[in-house]
Structure formats: C-alpha cells, structure tokens
Amino acid sequence: GRVQDMSQPVAGGNERRSGWMIIGLILAVLGVGISIYSTMHHLEVKATGQTDAACNINETFNCDEVALSSYSEIVGVPLGVVGLGYFVALLVVLGVALAGGKSARDHAHAYVVMVGVGVLVSAALAGVSIGVLGTYCLACLGIYAVCALQAILVALSRQLVEIKPAT
C-alpha cells in the first residue's frame, strides 16, 4: 500500500489531520513560552549570579545551577534562544502544512523530521543534566516534555493517515 498524500482531502481524515496539526501548534506555542522564560531566567542569573526563581527548589532541582553551567549556551547563545528559534520554526512549518496547498505534504514531513531532531537534542541535554551536572532545570524538563509530546503526536498521527492499496 501507499500512504495518502497529506495535502489532499480524505473523507474523515482531513479533520483528524487538522486536529493533530492544531495540537502540534499548541505544543509549539507552549515551547515558545517556556523558551522565553528560560532565556529571561538565563540572562538574569548570568547578570546576578543567582535568582529567586520558583524552579530553584533544592540542590537537585535548581535552574540557576544549570543556567550557570557551560552547557547552558552554544557559542555564547543561551539554549533558550535556540529553543525559541526551534519552536517558532515548528509553528511556521505546521502553519504552512495546516493551510494546505502544494507544499503541505513537504511541510508535514519537515515537521516530523524537526520533531525527531528535537527529541534527540532533548535526550542529549537530559543526559548532560543527569550524567554531568546532577542537577535539573524545571524549565528544561518542560521543554523535554513538549518535545516528547510532539513525538507522541507524530507517532499517533501516522495512524490517522489513510493507507490505500497500490493502483
């Protein structure tokens, strides 16, 4: 069989596709919000050395410690800014896919690839938190959760694509 072109309407399937794309958009907006918070916290802790952020619970869950580590930036750019760019790109890709048209299928595929990259990066950063720092950032954990939910969404949405017999 072959997979139905995601840009073409399918009886009963178009609404489901739109539904999963809207959920993906909502998750991306959540990722944007957490990334903005993370960036603002990062800049504050870099400027002051410590904050009274609610995510500083104890030695194990301490956003300040994570933000002060060398792993919190790439060439001087806070990871929150990188996350912000990633989630804005997801919004754009999903928005174009949701709008339909000739490139909808390509944009849906780009979303799937981007989600895969997000999960891999999240896993690597979680590994640094666990294996190197021994400290966790709640905002970071929120980003990892959003990426994991996006991956679950992708896995579930693949079941919503109608399979047609080869013609």
N, C-alpha and C. Protein backbone atom coordinates (compact mmCIF):
# COMPACT_ATOMS: atom_id res chain seq x y z
N GLY A 1 0.83 -1.19 0.00
CA GLY A 1 0.00 0.00 0.00
C GLY A 1 0.87 1.24 0.00
N ARG A 2 0.24 2.34 -0.20
CA ARG A 2 0.98 3.61 -0.15
C ARG A 2 0.26 4.57 0.79
N VAL A 3 0.98 5.52 1.30
CA VAL A 3 0.42 6.49 2.23
C VAL A 3 -0.28 7.58 1.43
N GLN A 4 -1.46 7.95 1.86
CA GLN A 4 -2.24 9.01 1.21
C GLN A 4 -1.49 10.34 1.32
N ASP A 5 -1.46 11.12 0.26
CA ASP A 5 -0.87 12.45 0.24
C ASP A 5 -1.57 13.31 1.29
N MET A 6 -0.78 13.81 2.28
CA MET A 6 -1.37 14.57 3.40
C MET A 6 -1.96 15.90 2.96
N SER A 7 -1.64 16.37 1.76
CA SER A 7 -2.17 17.66 1.30
C SER A 7 -3.53 17.50 0.64
N GLN A 8 -3.94 16.27 0.39
CA GLN A 8 -5.20 16.03 -0.30
C GLN A 8 -6.28 15.63 0.71
N PRO A 9 -7.50 16.11 0.52
CA PRO A 9 -8.57 15.76 1.43
C PRO A 9 -8.86 14.25 1.39
N VAL A 10 -9.16 13.71 2.53
CA VAL A 10 -9.55 12.31 2.66
C VAL A 10 -10.82 12.31 3.48
N ALA A 11 -11.81 11.57 3.04
CA ALA A 11 -13.07 11.52 3.77
C ALA A 11 -12.80 11.15 5.22
N GLY A 12 -13.14 12.04 6.13
CA GLY A 12 -12.95 11.80 7.55
C GLY A 12 -11.53 12.00 8.03
N GLY A 13 -10.55 12.03 7.14
CA GLY A 13 -9.15 12.13 7.55
C GLY A 13 -8.65 13.56 7.64
N ASN A 14 -9.20 14.44 6.81
CA ASN A 14 -8.73 15.82 6.80
C ASN A 14 -8.94 16.48 8.16
N GLU A 15 -10.08 16.24 8.78
CA GLU A 15 -10.36 16.83 10.08
C GLU A 15 -9.40 16.30 11.13
N ARG A 16 -9.11 15.00 11.07
CA ARG A 16 -8.18 14.42 12.03
C ARG A 16 -6.78 14.98 11.84
N ARG A 17 -6.36 15.12 10.56
CA ARG A 17 -5.04 15.70 10.29
C ARG A 17 -4.98 17.12 10.81
N SER A 18 -6.03 17.89 10.55
CA SER A 18 -6.07 19.26 11.05
C SER A 18 -6.01 19.27 12.57
N GLY A 19 -6.70 18.31 13.18
CA GLY A 19 -6.70 18.23 14.65
C GLY A 19 -5.32 18.00 15.22
N TRP A 20 -4.57 17.04 14.64
CA TRP A 20 -3.24 16.78 15.19
C TRP A 20 -2.30 17.94 14.92
N MET A 21 -2.50 18.63 13.78
CA MET A 21 -1.66 19.79 13.49
C MET A 21 -1.95 20.93 14.46
N ILE A 22 -3.21 21.10 14.83
CA ILE A 22 -3.56 22.14 15.80
C ILE A 22 -2.97 21.81 17.17
N ILE A 23 -3.02 20.54 17.56
CA ILE A 23 -2.38 20.14 18.82
C ILE A 23 -0.88 20.41 18.75
N GLY A 24 -0.27 20.10 17.61
CA GLY A 24 1.16 20.40 17.41
C GLY A 24 1.45 21.88 17.54
N LEU A 25 0.56 22.71 16.97
CA LEU A 25 0.71 24.17 17.09
C LEU A 25 0.63 24.61 18.55
N ILE A 26 -0.33 24.06 19.29
CA ILE A 26 -0.49 24.42 20.71
C ILE A 26 0.76 24.03 21.49
N LEU A 27 1.29 22.84 21.23
CA LEU A 27 2.52 22.41 21.90
C LEU A 27 3.69 23.32 21.53
N ALA A 28 3.77 23.73 20.27
CA ALA A 28 4.85 24.63 19.85
C ALA A 28 4.73 25.99 20.54
N VAL A 29 3.50 26.48 20.70
CA VAL A 29 3.30 27.75 21.42
C VAL A 29 3.76 27.60 22.87
N LEU A 30 3.44 26.46 23.48
CA LEU A 30 3.89 26.18 24.84
C LEU A 30 5.42 26.17 24.88
N GLY A 31 6.05 25.56 23.89
CA GLY A 31 7.51 25.55 23.80
C GLY A 31 8.08 26.95 23.66
N VAL A 32 7.42 27.79 22.88
CA VAL A 32 7.85 29.20 22.75
C VAL A 32 7.82 29.88 24.12
N GLY A 33 6.73 29.69 24.84
CA GLY A 33 6.59 30.32 26.16
C GLY A 33 7.66 29.86 27.14
N ILE A 34 7.90 28.56 27.20
CA ILE A 34 8.93 28.04 28.11
C ILE A 34 10.31 28.52 27.67
N SER A 35 10.55 28.59 26.37
CA SER A 35 11.85 29.06 25.87
C SER A 35 12.08 30.52 26.23
N ILE A 36 11.04 31.34 26.15
CA ILE A 36 11.16 32.75 26.54
C ILE A 36 11.48 32.85 28.02
N TYR A 37 10.74 32.09 28.84
CA TYR A 37 11.02 32.08 30.28
C TYR A 37 12.46 31.65 30.54
N SER A 38 12.88 30.57 29.88
CA SER A 38 14.23 30.04 30.08
C SER A 38 15.29 31.08 29.71
N THR A 39 15.06 31.77 28.60
CA THR A 39 16.02 32.80 28.16
C THR A 39 16.08 33.95 29.16
N MET A 40 14.92 34.40 29.60
CA MET A 40 14.89 35.50 30.57
C MET A 40 15.58 35.09 31.87
N HIS A 41 15.31 33.87 32.33
CA HIS A 41 15.96 33.38 33.55
C HIS A 41 17.47 33.29 33.34
N HIS A 42 17.88 32.75 32.21
CA HIS A 42 19.30 32.61 31.91
C HIS A 42 20.01 33.96 31.97
N LEU A 43 19.43 34.96 31.32
CA LEU A 43 20.05 36.29 31.30
C LEU A 43 20.11 36.89 32.71
N GLU A 44 19.05 36.67 33.49
CA GLU A 44 19.04 37.20 34.86
C GLU A 44 20.10 36.53 35.72
N VAL A 45 20.19 35.20 35.66
CA VAL A 45 21.17 34.50 36.51
C VAL A 45 22.60 34.81 36.06
N LYS A 46 22.82 35.01 34.76
CA LYS A 46 24.16 35.38 34.29
C LYS A 46 24.54 36.77 34.78
N ALA A 47 23.54 37.65 34.88
CA ALA A 47 23.81 39.03 35.31
C ALA A 47 23.97 39.14 36.82
N THR A 48 23.25 38.31 37.58
CA THR A 48 23.22 38.47 39.04
C THR A 48 23.92 37.35 39.80
N GLY A 49 24.15 36.21 39.17
CA GLY A 49 24.79 35.09 39.85
C GLY A 49 23.80 34.13 40.49
N GLN A 50 22.61 34.62 40.82
CA GLN A 50 21.56 33.76 41.36
C GLN A 50 20.23 34.49 41.29
N THR A 51 19.16 33.72 41.32
CA THR A 51 17.82 34.32 41.28
C THR A 51 16.96 33.69 42.37
N ASP A 52 15.80 34.25 42.54
CA ASP A 52 14.84 33.64 43.47
C ASP A 52 13.73 32.94 42.68
N ALA A 53 14.11 32.38 41.53
CA ALA A 53 13.16 31.71 40.65
C ALA A 53 12.51 30.53 41.38
N ALA A 54 11.26 30.31 41.07
CA ALA A 54 10.50 29.23 41.69
C ALA A 54 11.09 27.86 41.34
N CYS A 55 11.84 27.78 40.26
CA CYS A 55 12.41 26.49 39.85
C CYS A 55 13.68 26.13 40.63
N ASN A 56 14.09 26.98 41.54
CA ASN A 56 15.22 26.66 42.42
C ASN A 56 14.66 26.04 43.69
N ILE A 57 14.39 24.74 43.62
CA ILE A 57 13.72 24.05 44.73
C ILE A 57 14.73 23.55 45.75
N ASN A 58 15.78 22.89 45.26
CA ASN A 58 16.82 22.34 46.14
C ASN A 58 18.07 22.10 45.29
N GLU A 59 19.01 21.33 45.81
CA GLU A 59 20.24 21.08 45.05
C GLU A 59 20.00 20.24 43.80
N THR A 60 18.98 19.41 43.82
CA THR A 60 18.69 18.54 42.68
C THR A 60 17.93 19.28 41.59
N PHE A 61 16.97 20.07 41.98
CA PHE A 61 16.18 20.86 41.02
C PHE A 61 16.54 22.32 41.21
N ASN A 62 17.48 22.79 40.39
CA ASN A 62 17.99 24.14 40.55
C ASN A 62 18.32 24.73 39.19
N CYS A 63 17.42 25.57 38.70
CA CYS A 63 17.59 26.19 37.38
C CYS A 63 18.82 27.10 37.33
N ASP A 64 19.11 27.78 38.45
CA ASP A 64 20.28 28.66 38.47
C ASP A 64 21.56 27.87 38.20
N GLU A 65 21.71 26.71 38.86
CA GLU A 65 22.91 25.90 38.67
C GLU A 65 23.06 25.47 37.22
N VAL A 66 21.96 25.07 36.61
CA VAL A 66 22.02 24.64 35.21
C VAL A 66 22.36 25.83 34.31
N ALA A 67 21.73 26.97 34.56
CA ALA A 67 21.98 28.16 33.73
C ALA A 67 23.41 28.67 33.87
N LEU A 68 24.01 28.44 35.02
CA LEU A 68 25.40 28.89 35.22
C LEU A 68 26.42 27.92 34.64
N SER A 69 25.98 26.74 34.23
CA SER A 69 26.92 25.76 33.67
C SER A 69 27.33 26.15 32.25
N SER A 70 28.46 25.59 31.83
CA SER A 70 28.94 25.87 30.47
C SER A 70 28.06 25.20 29.42
N TYR A 71 27.19 24.29 29.83
CA TYR A 71 26.31 23.59 28.90
C TYR A 71 25.04 24.38 28.57
N SER A 72 24.87 25.53 29.20
CA SER A 72 23.63 26.30 29.00
C SER A 72 23.68 27.23 27.80
N GLU A 73 24.82 27.25 27.11
CA GLU A 73 24.99 28.13 25.96
C GLU A 73 25.72 27.39 24.83
N ILE A 74 25.47 27.86 23.62
CA ILE A 74 26.24 27.41 22.46
C ILE A 74 26.85 28.67 21.86
N VAL A 75 28.17 28.72 21.84
CA VAL A 75 28.93 29.90 21.40
C VAL A 75 28.35 31.20 21.97
N GLY A 76 28.04 31.18 23.25
CA GLY A 76 27.55 32.37 23.93
C GLY A 76 26.06 32.63 23.81
N VAL A 77 25.36 31.82 23.05
CA VAL A 77 23.91 31.99 22.88
C VAL A 77 23.18 31.05 23.85
N PRO A 78 22.32 31.60 24.71
CA PRO A 78 21.57 30.74 25.64
C PRO A 78 20.74 29.70 24.88
N LEU A 79 20.69 28.49 25.43
CA LEU A 79 19.92 27.42 24.79
C LEU A 79 18.44 27.80 24.68
N GLY A 80 17.95 28.66 25.57
CA GLY A 80 16.57 29.13 25.47
C GLY A 80 16.31 29.85 24.16
N VAL A 81 17.29 30.58 23.66
CA VAL A 81 17.16 31.28 22.38
C VAL A 81 17.11 30.25 21.24
N VAL A 82 17.95 29.23 21.35
CA VAL A 82 17.94 28.16 20.34
C VAL A 82 16.57 27.47 20.36
N GLY A 83 16.07 27.18 21.55
CA GLY A 83 14.75 26.56 21.68
C GLY A 83 13.66 27.44 21.11
N LEU A 84 13.75 28.73 21.35
CA LEU A 84 12.78 29.68 20.82
C LEU A 84 12.76 29.62 19.30
N GLY A 85 13.93 29.63 18.69
CA GLY A 85 14.01 29.52 17.22
C GLY A 85 13.42 28.22 16.73
N TYR A 86 13.70 27.14 17.44
CA TYR A 86 13.18 25.82 17.06
C TYR A 86 11.65 25.80 17.10
N PHE A 87 11.08 26.28 18.18
CA PHE A 87 9.62 26.23 18.31
C PHE A 87 8.92 27.20 17.36
N VAL A 88 9.53 28.35 17.08
CA VAL A 88 8.95 29.27 16.09
C VAL A 88 8.99 28.60 14.71
N ALA A 89 10.10 27.91 14.41
CA ALA A 89 10.19 27.19 13.12
C ALA A 89 9.11 26.10 13.04
N LEU A 90 8.87 25.39 14.15
CA LEU A 90 7.79 24.40 14.16
C LEU A 90 6.44 25.05 13.88
N LEU A 91 6.22 26.22 14.47
CA LEU A 91 4.96 26.95 14.23
C LEU A 91 4.79 27.27 12.75
N VAL A 92 5.85 27.76 12.13
CA VAL A 92 5.78 28.13 10.72
C VAL A 92 5.53 26.89 9.86
N VAL A 93 6.28 25.83 10.09
CA VAL A 93 6.14 24.62 9.29
C VAL A 93 4.74 24.02 9.45
N LEU A 94 4.26 23.95 10.68
CA LEU A 94 2.91 23.41 10.90
C LEU A 94 1.84 24.33 10.33
N GLY A 95 2.04 25.63 10.47
CA GLY A 95 1.06 26.58 9.91
C GLY A 95 0.92 26.43 8.42
N VAL A 96 2.04 26.28 7.72
CA VAL A 96 2.00 26.10 6.27
C VAL A 96 1.36 24.75 5.93
N ALA A 97 1.70 23.72 6.68
CA ALA A 97 1.10 22.40 6.43
C ALA A 97 -0.41 22.44 6.66
N LEU A 98 -0.83 23.13 7.69
CA LEU A 98 -2.26 23.23 8.02
C LEU A 98 -3.02 24.02 6.97
N ALA A 99 -2.36 25.02 6.37
CA ALA A 99 -3.00 25.84 5.35
C ALA A 99 -3.29 25.05 4.08
N GLY A 100 -2.60 23.93 3.91
CA GLY A 100 -2.82 23.10 2.73
C GLY A 100 -2.03 23.62 1.54
N GLY A 101 -2.41 23.18 0.38
CA GLY A 101 -1.71 23.61 -0.83
C GLY A 101 -0.66 22.61 -1.25
N LYS A 102 0.08 23.00 -2.29
CA LYS A 102 1.04 22.09 -2.92
C LYS A 102 2.16 21.66 -1.98
N SER A 103 2.57 22.54 -1.06
CA SER A 103 3.72 22.20 -0.20
C SER A 103 3.31 21.62 1.15
N ALA A 104 2.02 21.42 1.38
CA ALA A 104 1.56 20.94 2.69
C ALA A 104 2.21 19.62 3.09
N ARG A 105 2.31 18.70 2.14
CA ARG A 105 2.89 17.40 2.46
C ARG A 105 4.36 17.54 2.83
N ASP A 106 5.11 18.33 2.06
CA ASP A 106 6.52 18.54 2.37
C ASP A 106 6.70 19.19 3.73
N HIS A 107 5.83 20.13 4.07
CA HIS A 107 5.93 20.79 5.37
C HIS A 107 5.56 19.83 6.50
N ALA A 108 4.59 18.96 6.27
CA ALA A 108 4.25 17.95 7.28
C ALA A 108 5.44 17.02 7.49
N HIS A 109 6.12 16.64 6.43
CA HIS A 109 7.29 15.79 6.56
C HIS A 109 8.43 16.53 7.27
N ALA A 110 8.60 17.81 6.97
CA ALA A 110 9.62 18.62 7.65
C ALA A 110 9.34 18.67 9.15
N TYR A 111 8.06 18.78 9.52
CA TYR A 111 7.66 18.78 10.93
C TYR A 111 8.11 17.48 11.59
N VAL A 112 7.87 16.37 10.94
CA VAL A 112 8.24 15.07 11.50
C VAL A 112 9.76 15.00 11.73
N VAL A 113 10.52 15.45 10.75
CA VAL A 113 11.99 15.45 10.88
C VAL A 113 12.42 16.38 12.01
N MET A 114 11.83 17.57 12.07
CA MET A 114 12.19 18.53 13.12
C MET A 114 11.86 17.98 14.51
N VAL A 115 10.75 17.30 14.64
CA VAL A 115 10.39 16.70 15.93
C VAL A 115 11.43 15.66 16.31
N GLY A 116 11.87 14.86 15.34
CA GLY A 116 12.92 13.88 15.62
C GLY A 116 14.20 14.53 16.12
N VAL A 117 14.59 15.62 15.49
CA VAL A 117 15.78 16.36 15.92
C VAL A 117 15.57 16.91 17.35
N GLY A 118 14.39 17.45 17.60
CA GLY A 118 14.08 17.98 18.94
C GLY A 118 14.19 16.92 20.02
N VAL A 119 13.71 15.72 19.72
CA VAL A 119 13.78 14.62 20.69
C VAL A 119 15.24 14.23 20.94
N LEU A 120 16.03 14.14 19.87
CA LEU A 120 17.44 13.77 20.02
C LEU A 120 18.21 14.81 20.83
N VAL A 121 17.98 16.08 20.54
CA VAL A 121 18.66 17.15 21.29
C VAL A 121 18.21 17.13 22.75
N SER A 122 16.91 16.96 22.98
CA SER A 122 16.39 16.89 24.35
C SER A 122 17.02 15.73 25.11
N ALA A 123 17.14 14.58 24.46
CA ALA A 123 17.74 13.41 25.11
C ALA A 123 19.20 13.69 25.46
N ALA A 124 19.93 14.33 24.55
CA ALA A 124 21.33 14.65 24.81
C ALA A 124 21.46 15.63 25.98
N LEU A 125 20.61 16.65 26.00
CA LEU A 125 20.67 17.63 27.08
C LEU A 125 20.24 17.02 28.41
N ALA A 126 19.25 16.14 28.38
CA ALA A 126 18.83 15.45 29.60
C ALA A 126 19.99 14.58 30.10
N GLY A 127 20.71 13.96 29.17
CA GLY A 127 21.87 13.16 29.55
C GLY A 127 22.94 14.00 30.23
N VAL A 128 23.16 15.21 29.75
CA VAL A 128 24.13 16.12 30.38
C VAL A 128 23.64 16.47 31.79
N SER A 129 22.35 16.76 31.91
CA SER A 129 21.78 17.10 33.22
C SER A 129 21.97 15.97 34.22
N ILE A 130 21.68 14.75 33.77
CA ILE A 130 21.75 13.58 34.65
C ILE A 130 23.20 13.17 34.90
N GLY A 131 23.95 12.99 33.81
CA GLY A 131 25.28 12.40 33.92
C GLY A 131 26.40 13.34 34.28
N VAL A 132 26.26 14.61 33.92
CA VAL A 132 27.36 15.56 34.15
C VAL A 132 27.04 16.52 35.28
N LEU A 133 25.89 17.17 35.21
CA LEU A 133 25.56 18.19 36.20
C LEU A 133 24.95 17.62 37.48
N GLY A 134 24.15 16.57 37.34
CA GLY A 134 23.46 16.04 38.51
C GLY A 134 22.42 17.01 39.06
N THR A 135 22.03 17.96 38.25
CA THR A 135 21.05 18.98 38.63
C THR A 135 20.08 19.15 37.47
N TYR A 136 18.84 19.42 37.80
CA TYR A 136 17.79 19.54 36.79
C TYR A 136 17.17 20.92 36.81
N CYS A 137 16.84 21.38 35.62
CA CYS A 137 16.16 22.66 35.43
C CYS A 137 14.71 22.34 35.07
N LEU A 138 13.77 22.84 35.84
CA LEU A 138 12.36 22.55 35.58
C LEU A 138 11.91 23.09 34.23
N ALA A 139 12.41 24.26 33.85
CA ALA A 139 12.05 24.80 32.53
C ALA A 139 12.59 23.88 31.44
N CYS A 140 13.80 23.40 31.62
CA CYS A 140 14.38 22.46 30.64
C CYS A 140 13.55 21.18 30.57
N LEU A 141 13.16 20.66 31.72
CA LEU A 141 12.32 19.47 31.75
C LEU A 141 11.00 19.72 31.02
N GLY A 142 10.49 20.94 31.14
CA GLY A 142 9.27 21.31 30.41
C GLY A 142 9.49 21.26 28.91
N ILE A 143 10.63 21.76 28.46
CA ILE A 143 10.96 21.71 27.03
C ILE A 143 11.07 20.25 26.57
N TYR A 144 11.75 19.42 27.37
CA TYR A 144 11.89 18.00 27.01
C TYR A 144 10.51 17.35 26.90
N ALA A 145 9.63 17.70 27.83
CA ALA A 145 8.27 17.13 27.82
C ALA A 145 7.51 17.56 26.57
N VAL A 146 7.63 18.84 26.19
CA VAL A 146 6.95 19.32 24.97
C VAL A 146 7.49 18.57 23.75
N CYS A 147 8.80 18.37 23.69
CA CYS A 147 9.39 17.63 22.56
C CYS A 147 8.90 16.18 22.56
N ALA A 148 8.82 15.57 23.73
CA ALA A 148 8.34 14.18 23.82
C ALA A 148 6.87 14.11 23.40
N LEU A 149 6.05 15.08 23.81
CA LEU A 149 4.64 15.09 23.42
C LEU A 149 4.50 15.29 21.91
N GLN A 150 5.36 16.12 21.33
CA GLN A 150 5.35 16.28 19.86
C GLN A 150 5.65 14.94 19.20
N ALA A 151 6.61 14.19 19.74
CA ALA A 151 6.97 12.89 19.16
C ALA A 151 5.82 11.90 19.30
N ILE A 152 5.15 11.91 20.43
CA ILE A 152 3.98 11.03 20.62
C ILE A 152 2.90 11.42 19.61
N LEU A 153 2.72 12.71 19.43
CA LEU A 153 1.73 13.19 18.46
C LEU A 153 2.06 12.69 17.05
N VAL A 154 3.32 12.77 16.67
CA VAL A 154 3.74 12.29 15.36
C VAL A 154 3.46 10.79 15.24
N ALA A 155 3.80 10.04 16.27
CA ALA A 155 3.57 8.60 16.24
C ALA A 155 2.08 8.28 16.11
N LEU A 156 1.26 8.98 16.85
CA LEU A 156 -0.18 8.74 16.77
C LEU A 156 -0.77 9.21 15.44
N SER A 157 -0.28 10.33 14.94
CA SER A 157 -0.84 10.90 13.71
C SER A 157 -0.57 10.00 12.51
N ARG A 158 0.50 9.24 12.55
CA ARG A 158 0.80 8.33 11.44
C ARG A 158 -0.31 7.29 11.29
N GLN A 159 -1.00 6.98 12.37
CA GLN A 159 -2.10 6.04 12.32
C GLN A 159 -3.33 6.67 11.72
N LEU A 160 -3.37 8.00 11.64
CA LEU A 160 -4.55 8.69 11.11
C LEU A 160 -4.48 8.90 9.61
N VAL A 161 -3.34 8.56 9.02
CA VAL A 161 -3.17 8.72 7.57
C VAL A 161 -3.74 7.48 6.89
N GLU A 162 -4.68 7.70 6.00
CA GLU A 162 -5.32 6.58 5.32
C GLU A 162 -4.33 5.85 4.43
N ILE A 163 -4.34 4.54 4.50
CA ILE A 163 -3.50 3.71 3.64
C ILE A 163 -4.38 3.20 2.50
N LYS A 164 -3.95 3.45 1.27
CA LYS A 164 -4.71 2.99 0.10
C LYS A 164 -3.93 1.88 -0.59
N PRO A 165 -4.63 0.94 -1.18
CA PRO A 165 -3.93 -0.10 -1.91
C PRO A 165 -3.22 0.49 -3.13
N ALA A 166 -2.11 -0.10 -3.52
CA ALA A 166 -1.37 0.36 -4.70
C ALA A 166 -2.26 0.24 -5.93
N THR A 167 -2.18 1.22 -6.82
CA THR A 167 -3.04 1.18 -8.02
C THR A 167 -2.22 0.87 -9.25
